[in-house]
Amino acid sequence: MLVARYGAIVPTLALAGAFAAKPRNDSTKGTLRTDTVLFALLLIANVIITGALTFFPGDALGPIVEHFEMLRGHLF
């Protein structure tokens, strides 16, 4: 159990150390900076869209299931 729990920590820390040791790249024309309003808006839109797509199937199928349950109640 200890190996399963703490075994994943060692490669994760090794990967983080490898990324931290890499030199920084210069900003180019295609770089999306993370300290701008555009980044914040894109992040918020992404969170809202992901959340909506998570709950949409249940919201969309709810009335359909209710309709079939109503029909089944009248038929049997």
PDB file of N, CA and C in Angstrom:
ATOM      1  N   MET A   1       0.829  -1.176   0.000  1.00  0.00           N
ATOM      2  CA  MET A   1       0.000   0.000   0.000  1.00  0.00           C
ATOM      3  C   MET A   1       0.884   1.253   0.000  1.00  0.00           C
ATOM      4  N   LEU A   2       1.993   1.187   0.707  1.00  0.00           N
ATOM      5  CA  LEU A   2       2.899   2.337   0.718  1.00  0.00           C
ATOM      6  C   LEU A   2       3.495   2.583  -0.666  1.00  0.00           C
ATOM      7  N   VAL A   3       3.827   1.499  -1.361  1.00  0.00           N
ATOM      8  CA  VAL A   3       4.400   1.663  -2.708  1.00  0.00           C
ATOM      9  C   VAL A   3       3.374   2.284  -3.645  1.00  0.00           C
ATOM     10  N   ALA A   4       2.122   1.844  -3.544  1.00  0.00           N
ATOM     11  CA  ALA A   4       1.087   2.394  -4.420  1.00  0.00           C
ATOM     12  C   ALA A   4       0.819   3.855  -4.109  1.00  0.00           C
ATOM     13  N   ARG A   5       0.875   4.204  -2.832  1.00  0.00           N
ATOM     14  CA  ARG A   5       0.569   5.579  -2.447  1.00  0.00           C
ATOM     15  C   ARG A   5       1.723   6.521  -2.743  1.00  0.00           C
ATOM     16  N   TYR A   6       2.908   6.133  -2.324  1.00  0.00           N
ATOM     17  CA  TYR A   6       4.045   7.037  -2.440  1.00  0.00           C
ATOM     18  C   TYR A   6       4.902   6.771  -3.676  1.00  0.00           C
ATOM     19  N   GLY A   7       4.638   5.680  -4.381  1.00  0.00           N
ATOM     20  CA  GLY A   7       5.412   5.374  -5.581  1.00  0.00           C
ATOM     21  C   GLY A   7       5.180   6.367  -6.701  1.00  0.00           C
ATOM     22  N   ALA A   8       3.989   6.936  -6.769  1.00  0.00           N
ATOM     23  CA  ALA A   8       3.696   7.914  -7.819  1.00  0.00           C
ATOM     24  C   ALA A   8       4.291   9.282  -7.513  1.00  0.00           C
ATOM     25  N   ILE A   9       4.642   9.509  -6.263  1.00  0.00           N
ATOM     26  CA  ILE A   9       5.180  10.822  -5.889  1.00  0.00           C
ATOM     27  C   ILE A   9       6.583  11.018  -6.450  1.00  0.00           C
ATOM     28  N   VAL A  10       7.386   9.980  -6.439  1.00  0.00           N
ATOM     29  CA  VAL A  10       8.779  10.113  -6.882  1.00  0.00           C
ATOM     30  C   VAL A  10       8.864  10.502  -8.358  1.00  0.00           C
ATOM     31  N   PRO A  11       8.185   9.807  -9.281  1.00  0.00           N
ATOM     32  CA  PRO A  11       8.264  10.265 -10.679  1.00  0.00           C
ATOM     33  C   PRO A  11       7.661  11.649 -10.904  1.00  0.00           C
ATOM     34  N   THR A  12       6.629  11.977 -10.136  1.00  0.00           N
ATOM     35  CA  THR A  12       6.021  13.301 -10.280  1.00  0.00           C
ATOM     36  C   THR A  12       6.992  14.388  -9.863  1.00  0.00           C
ATOM     37  N   LEU A  13       7.664  14.192  -8.746  1.00  0.00           N
ATOM     38  CA  LEU A  13       8.649  15.177  -8.302  1.00  0.00           C
ATOM     39  C   LEU A  13       9.848  15.233  -9.249  1.00  0.00           C
ATOM     40  N   ALA A  14      10.235  14.092  -9.811  1.00  0.00           N
ATOM     41  CA  ALA A  14      11.336  14.087 -10.774  1.00  0.00           C
ATOM     42  C   ALA A  14      10.952  14.872 -12.030  1.00  0.00           C
ATOM     43  N   LEU A  15       9.718  14.695 -12.485  1.00  0.00           N
ATOM     44  CA  LEU A  15       9.255  15.441 -13.656  1.00  0.00           C
ATOM     45  C   LEU A  15       9.175  16.937 -13.360  1.00  0.00           C
ATOM     46  N   ALA A  16       8.699  17.289 -12.178  1.00  0.00           N
ATOM     47  CA  ALA A  16       8.634  18.704 -11.797  1.00  0.00           C
ATOM     48  C   ALA A  16      10.034  19.304 -11.719  1.00  0.00           C
ATOM     49  N   GLY A  17      10.981  18.551 -11.186  1.00  0.00           N
ATOM     50  CA  GLY A  17      12.362  19.034 -11.123  1.00  0.00           C
ATOM     51  C   GLY A  17      12.963  19.216 -12.502  1.00  0.00           C
ATOM     52  N   ALA A  18      12.631  18.312 -13.423  1.00  0.00           N
ATOM     53  CA  ALA A  18      13.145  18.438 -14.798  1.00  0.00           C
ATOM     54  C   ALA A  18      12.575  19.679 -15.470  1.00  0.00           C
ATOM     55  N   PHE A  19      11.281  19.934 -15.247  1.00  0.00           N
ATOM     56  CA  PHE A  19      10.681  21.143 -15.820  1.00  0.00           C
ATOM     57  C   PHE A  19      11.260  22.406 -15.188  1.00  0.00           C
ATOM     58  N   ALA A  20      11.519  22.371 -13.890  1.00  0.00           N
ATOM     59  CA  ALA A  20      12.060  23.550 -13.205  1.00  0.00           C
ATOM     60  C   ALA A  20      13.487  23.848 -13.662  1.00  0.00           C
ATOM     61  N   ALA A  21      14.215  22.824 -14.044  1.00  0.00           N
ATOM     62  CA  ALA A  21      15.608  23.019 -14.456  1.00  0.00           C
ATOM     63  C   ALA A  21      15.731  23.511 -15.895  1.00  0.00           C
ATOM     64  N   LYS A  22      14.677  23.411 -16.666  1.00  0.00           N
ATOM     65  CA  LYS A  22      14.732  23.859 -18.064  1.00  0.00           C
ATOM     66  C   LYS A  22      14.881  25.377 -18.127  1.00  0.00           C
ATOM     67  N   PRO A  23      15.613  25.863 -19.109  1.00  0.00           N
ATOM     68  CA  PRO A  23      15.707  27.312 -19.274  1.00  0.00           C
ATOM     69  C   PRO A  23      14.394  27.879 -19.806  1.00  0.00           C
ATOM     70  N   ARG A  24      14.130  29.124 -19.469  1.00  0.00           N
ATOM     71  CA  ARG A  24      12.905  29.783 -19.935  1.00  0.00           C
ATOM     72  C   ARG A  24      13.069  30.177 -21.391  1.00  0.00           C
ATOM     73  N   ASN A  25      12.003  30.063 -22.132  1.00  0.00           N
ATOM     74  CA  ASN A  25      11.996  30.475 -23.534  1.00  0.00           C
ATOM     75  C   ASN A  25      11.562  31.926 -23.639  1.00  0.00           C
ATOM     76  N   ASP A  26      12.047  32.581 -24.661  1.00  0.00           N
ATOM     77  CA  ASP A  26      11.632  33.959 -24.899  1.00  0.00           C
ATOM     78  C   ASP A  26      10.198  33.989 -25.415  1.00  0.00           C
ATOM     79  N   SER A  27       9.512  35.052 -25.097  1.00  0.00           N
ATOM     80  CA  SER A  27       8.155  35.223 -25.599  1.00  0.00           C
ATOM     81  C   SER A  27       8.201  35.517 -27.093  1.00  0.00           C
ATOM     82  N   THR A  28       7.269  34.890 -27.801  1.00  0.00           N
ATOM     83  CA  THR A  28       7.172  35.132 -29.239  1.00  0.00           C
ATOM     84  C   THR A  28       5.798  35.709 -29.542  1.00  0.00           C
ATOM     85  N   LYS A  29       5.526  35.894 -30.809  1.00  0.00           N
ATOM     86  CA  LYS A  29       4.249  36.461 -31.218  1.00  0.00           C
ATOM     87  C   LYS A  29       3.086  35.540 -30.858  1.00  0.00           C
ATOM     88  N   GLY A  30       3.320  34.226 -30.826  1.00  0.00           N
ATOM     89  CA  GLY A  30       2.263  33.271 -30.546  1.00  0.00           C
ATOM     90  C   GLY A  30       2.114  32.915 -29.074  1.00  0.00           C
ATOM     91  N   THR A  31       2.840  33.566 -28.184  1.00  0.00           N
ATOM     92  CA  THR A  31       2.773  33.249 -26.768  1.00  0.00           C
ATOM     93  C   THR A  31       1.527  33.862 -26.140  1.00  0.00           C
ATOM     94  N   LEU A  32       0.793  33.052 -25.398  1.00  0.00           N
ATOM     95  CA  LEU A  32      -0.376  33.542 -24.668  1.00  0.00           C
ATOM     96  C   LEU A  32       0.055  33.815 -23.232  1.00  0.00           C
ATOM     97  N   ARG A  33       0.125  35.067 -22.882  1.00  0.00           N
ATOM     98  CA  ARG A  33       0.541  35.441 -21.527  1.00  0.00           C
ATOM     99  C   ARG A  33      -0.568  35.130 -20.534  1.00  0.00           C
ATOM    100  N   THR A  34      -0.185  34.758 -19.321  1.00  0.00           N
ATOM    101  CA  THR A  34      -1.166  34.368 -18.311  1.00  0.00           C
ATOM    102  C   THR A  34      -1.532  35.510 -17.376  1.00  0.00           C
ATOM    103  N   ASP A  35      -1.060  36.699 -17.638  1.00  0.00           N
ATOM    104  CA  ASP A  35      -1.379  37.837 -16.769  1.00  0.00           C
ATOM    105  C   ASP A  35      -2.204  38.899 -17.504  1.00  0.00           C
ATOM    106  N   THR A  36      -3.012  38.451 -18.450  1.00  0.00           N
ATOM    107  CA  THR A  36      -3.835  39.384 -19.218  1.00  0.00           C
ATOM    108  C   THR A  36      -5.311  39.083 -18.997  1.00  0.00           C
ATOM    109  N   VAL A  37      -6.137  40.028 -19.382  1.00  0.00           N
ATOM    110  CA  VAL A  37      -7.585  39.857 -19.274  1.00  0.00           C
ATOM    111  C   VAL A  37      -8.061  38.779 -20.260  1.00  0.00           C
ATOM    112  N   LEU A  38      -7.438  38.687 -21.418  1.00  0.00           N
ATOM    113  CA  LEU A  38      -7.812  37.681 -22.401  1.00  0.00           C
ATOM    114  C   LEU A  38      -7.653  36.278 -21.823  1.00  0.00           C
ATOM    115  N   PHE A  39      -6.555  36.027 -21.144  1.00  0.00           N
ATOM    116  CA  PHE A  39      -6.344  34.711 -20.543  1.00  0.00           C
ATOM    117  C   PHE A  39      -7.404  34.433 -19.489  1.00  0.00           C
ATOM    118  N   ALA A  40      -7.724  35.422 -18.673  1.00  0.00           N
ATOM    119  CA  ALA A  40      -8.735  35.233 -17.629  1.00  0.00           C
ATOM    120  C   ALA A  40     -10.091  34.928 -18.246  1.00  0.00           C
ATOM    121  N   LEU A  41     -10.451  35.643 -19.301  1.00  0.00           N
ATOM    122  CA  LEU A  41     -11.741  35.394 -19.963  1.00  0.00           C
ATOM    123  C   LEU A  41     -11.791  34.017 -20.605  1.00  0.00           C
ATOM    124  N   LEU A  42     -10.701  33.609 -21.251  1.00  0.00           N
ATOM    125  CA  LEU A  42     -10.660  32.284 -21.852  1.00  0.00           C
ATOM    126  C   LEU A  42     -10.736  31.190 -20.791  1.00  0.00           C
ATOM    127  N   LEU A  43     -10.088  31.401 -19.666  1.00  0.00           N
ATOM    128  CA  LEU A  43     -10.130  30.427 -18.574  1.00  0.00           C
ATOM    129  C   LEU A  43     -11.538  30.313 -18.001  1.00  0.00           C
ATOM    130  N   ILE A  44     -12.177  31.446 -17.765  1.00  0.00           N
ATOM    131  CA  ILE A  44     -13.548  31.440 -17.222  1.00  0.00           C
ATOM    132  C   ILE A  44     -14.508  30.798 -18.214  1.00  0.00           C
ATOM    133  N   ALA A  45     -14.373  31.110 -19.505  1.00  0.00           N
ATOM    134  CA  ALA A  45     -15.237  30.509 -20.516  1.00  0.00           C
ATOM    135  C   ALA A  45     -15.031  29.000 -20.571  1.00  0.00           C
ATOM    136  N   ASN A  46     -13.794  28.564 -20.442  1.00  0.00           N
ATOM    137  CA  ASN A  46     -13.500  27.136 -20.460  1.00  0.00           C
ATOM    138  C   ASN A  46     -14.141  26.429 -19.274  1.00  0.00           C
ATOM    139  N   VAL A  47     -14.068  27.029 -18.102  1.00  0.00           N
ATOM    140  CA  VAL A  47     -14.674  26.429 -16.908  1.00  0.00           C
ATOM    141  C   VAL A  47     -16.195  26.363 -17.054  1.00  0.00           C
ATOM    142  N   ILE A  48     -16.796  27.421 -17.564  1.00  0.00           N
ATOM    143  CA  ILE A  48     -18.256  27.442 -17.731  1.00  0.00           C
ATOM    144  C   ILE A  48     -18.697  26.412 -18.770  1.00  0.00           C
ATOM    145  N   ILE A  49     -18.012  26.336 -19.886  1.00  0.00           N
ATOM    146  CA  ILE A  49     -18.381  25.378 -20.929  1.00  0.00           C
ATOM    147  C   ILE A  49     -18.195  23.948 -20.445  1.00  0.00           C
ATOM    148  N   THR A  50     -17.101  23.672 -19.757  1.00  0.00           N
ATOM    149  CA  THR A  50     -16.873  22.325 -19.237  1.00  0.00           C
ATOM    150  C   THR A  50     -17.943  21.954 -18.212  1.00  0.00           C
ATOM    151  N   GLY A  51     -18.275  22.880 -17.334  1.00  0.00           N
ATOM    152  CA  GLY A  51     -19.331  22.621 -16.356  1.00  0.00           C
ATOM    153  C   GLY A  51     -20.677  22.419 -17.005  1.00  0.00           C
ATOM    154  N   ALA A  52     -20.983  23.204 -18.031  1.00  0.00           N
ATOM    155  CA  ALA A  52     -22.267  23.059 -18.722  1.00  0.00           C
ATOM    156  C   ALA A  52     -22.341  21.713 -19.436  1.00  0.00           C
ATOM    157  N   LEU A  53     -21.258  21.297 -20.068  1.00  0.00           N
ATOM    158  CA  LEU A  53     -21.261  20.015 -20.760  1.00  0.00           C
ATOM    159  C   LEU A  53     -21.313  18.845 -19.791  1.00  0.00           C
ATOM    160  N   THR A  54     -20.906  19.063 -18.567  1.00  0.00           N
ATOM    161  CA  THR A  54     -20.994  18.003 -17.557  1.00  0.00           C
ATOM    162  C   THR A  54     -22.439  17.767 -17.157  1.00  0.00           C
ATOM    163  N   PHE A  55     -23.209  18.836 -16.982  1.00  0.00           N
ATOM    164  CA  PHE A  55     -24.576  18.703 -16.500  1.00  0.00           C
ATOM    165  C   PHE A  55     -25.611  18.675 -17.622  1.00  0.00           C
ATOM    166  N   PHE A  56     -25.254  19.029 -18.838  1.00  0.00           N
ATOM    167  CA  PHE A  56     -26.218  19.106 -19.925  1.00  0.00           C
ATOM    168  C   PHE A  56     -26.907  17.778 -20.239  1.00  0.00           C
ATOM    169  N   PRO A  57     -26.198  16.645 -20.300  1.00  0.00           N
ATOM    170  CA  PRO A  57     -26.903  15.398 -20.633  1.00  0.00           C
ATOM    171  C   PRO A  57     -28.030  15.073 -19.656  1.00  0.00           C
ATOM    172  N   GLY A  58     -27.805  15.245 -18.376  1.00  0.00           N
ATOM    173  CA  GLY A  58     -28.862  14.985 -17.401  1.00  0.00           C
ATOM    174  C   GLY A  58     -30.007  15.968 -17.523  1.00  0.00           C
ATOM    175  N   ASP A  59     -29.685  17.222 -17.752  1.00  0.00           N
ATOM    176  CA  ASP A  59     -30.732  18.237 -17.905  1.00  0.00           C
ATOM    177  C   ASP A  59     -31.554  18.009 -19.176  1.00  0.00           C
ATOM    178  N   ALA A  60     -30.889  17.582 -20.233  1.00  0.00           N
ATOM    179  CA  ALA A  60     -31.586  17.378 -21.500  1.00  0.00           C
ATOM    180  C   ALA A  60     -32.414  16.097 -21.488  1.00  0.00           C
ATOM    181  N   LEU A  61     -31.907  15.052 -20.858  1.00  0.00           N
ATOM    182  CA  LEU A  61     -32.610  13.773 -20.867  1.00  0.00           C
ATOM    183  C   LEU A  61     -33.691  13.687 -19.799  1.00  0.00           C
ATOM    184  N   GLY A  62     -33.656  14.554 -18.802  1.00  0.00           N
ATOM    185  CA  GLY A  62     -34.650  14.502 -17.733  1.00  0.00           C
ATOM    186  C   GLY A  62     -36.080  14.583 -18.227  1.00  0.00           C
ATOM    187  N   PRO A  63     -36.446  15.581 -19.009  1.00  0.00           N
ATOM    188  CA  PRO A  63     -37.832  15.659 -19.509  1.00  0.00           C
ATOM    189  C   PRO A  63     -38.216  14.477 -20.407  1.00  0.00           C
ATOM    190  N   ILE A  64     -37.268  13.952 -21.163  1.00  0.00           N
ATOM    191  CA  ILE A  64     -37.560  12.806 -22.022  1.00  0.00           C
ATOM    192  C   ILE A  64     -37.875  11.579 -21.177  1.00  0.00           C
ATOM    193  N   VAL A  65     -37.088  11.345 -20.136  1.00  0.00           N
ATOM    194  CA  VAL A  65     -37.333  10.211 -19.246  1.00  0.00           C
ATOM    195  C   VAL A  65     -38.664  10.387 -18.524  1.00  0.00           C
ATOM    196  N   GLU A  66     -38.945  11.582 -18.077  1.00  0.00           N
ATOM    197  CA  GLU A  66     -40.228  11.836 -17.411  1.00  0.00           C
ATOM    198  C   GLU A  66     -41.397  11.550 -18.349  1.00  0.00           C
ATOM    199  N   HIS A  67     -41.265  11.905 -19.602  1.00  0.00           N
ATOM    200  CA  HIS A  67     -42.326  11.651 -20.574  1.00  0.00           C
ATOM    201  C   HIS A  67     -42.559  10.150 -20.727  1.00  0.00           C
ATOM    202  N   PHE A  68     -41.483   9.377 -20.868  1.00  0.00           N
ATOM    203  CA  PHE A  68     -41.635   7.936 -21.013  1.00  0.00           C
ATOM    204  C   PHE A  68     -42.193   7.297 -19.743  1.00  0.00           C
ATOM    205  N   GLU A  69     -41.803   7.805 -18.574  1.00  0.00           N
ATOM    206  CA  GLU A  69     -42.373   7.285 -17.330  1.00  0.00           C
ATOM    207  C   GLU A  69     -43.868   7.596 -17.244  1.00  0.00           C
ATOM    208  N   MET A  70     -44.253   8.758 -17.712  1.00  0.00           N
ATOM    209  CA  MET A  70     -45.668   9.124 -17.710  1.00  0.00           C
ATOM    210  C   MET A  70     -46.459   8.208 -18.649  1.00  0.00           C
ATOM    211  N   LEU A  71     -45.897   7.924 -19.834  1.00  0.00           N
ATOM    212  CA  LEU A  71     -46.552   7.021 -20.777  1.00  0.00           C
ATOM    213  C   LEU A  71     -46.648   5.605 -20.223  1.00  0.00           C
ATOM    214  N   ARG A  72     -45.597   5.159 -19.564  1.00  0.00           N
ATOM    215  CA  ARG A  72     -45.587   3.814 -19.021  1.00  0.00           C
ATOM    216  C   ARG A  72     -46.629   3.689 -17.912  1.00  0.00           C
ATOM    217  N   GLY A  73     -46.847   4.741 -17.149  1.00  0.00           N
ATOM    218  CA  GLY A  73     -47.840   4.710 -16.086  1.00  0.00           C
ATOM    219  C   GLY A  73     -49.246   4.580 -16.643  1.00  0.00           C
ATOM    220  N   HIS A  74     -49.503   5.141 -17.822  1.00  0.00           N
ATOM    221  CA  HIS A  74     -50.845   5.050 -18.416  1.00  0.00           C
ATOM    222  C   HIS A  74     -51.050   3.721 -19.134  1.00  0.00           C
ATOM    223  N   LEU A  75     -49.971   3.118 -19.606  1.00  0.00           N
ATOM    224  CA  LEU A  75     -50.106   1.888 -20.366  1.00  0.00           C
ATOM    225  C   LEU A  75     -50.255   0.666 -19.462  1.00  0.00           C
ATOM    226  N   PHE A  76     -49.644   0.682 -18.288  1.00  0.00           N
ATOM    227  CA  PHE A  76     -49.678  -0.518 -17.429  1.00  0.00           C
ATOM    228  C   PHE A  76     -50.483  -0.287 -16.204  1.00  0.00           C
TER     229      PHE A  76
END
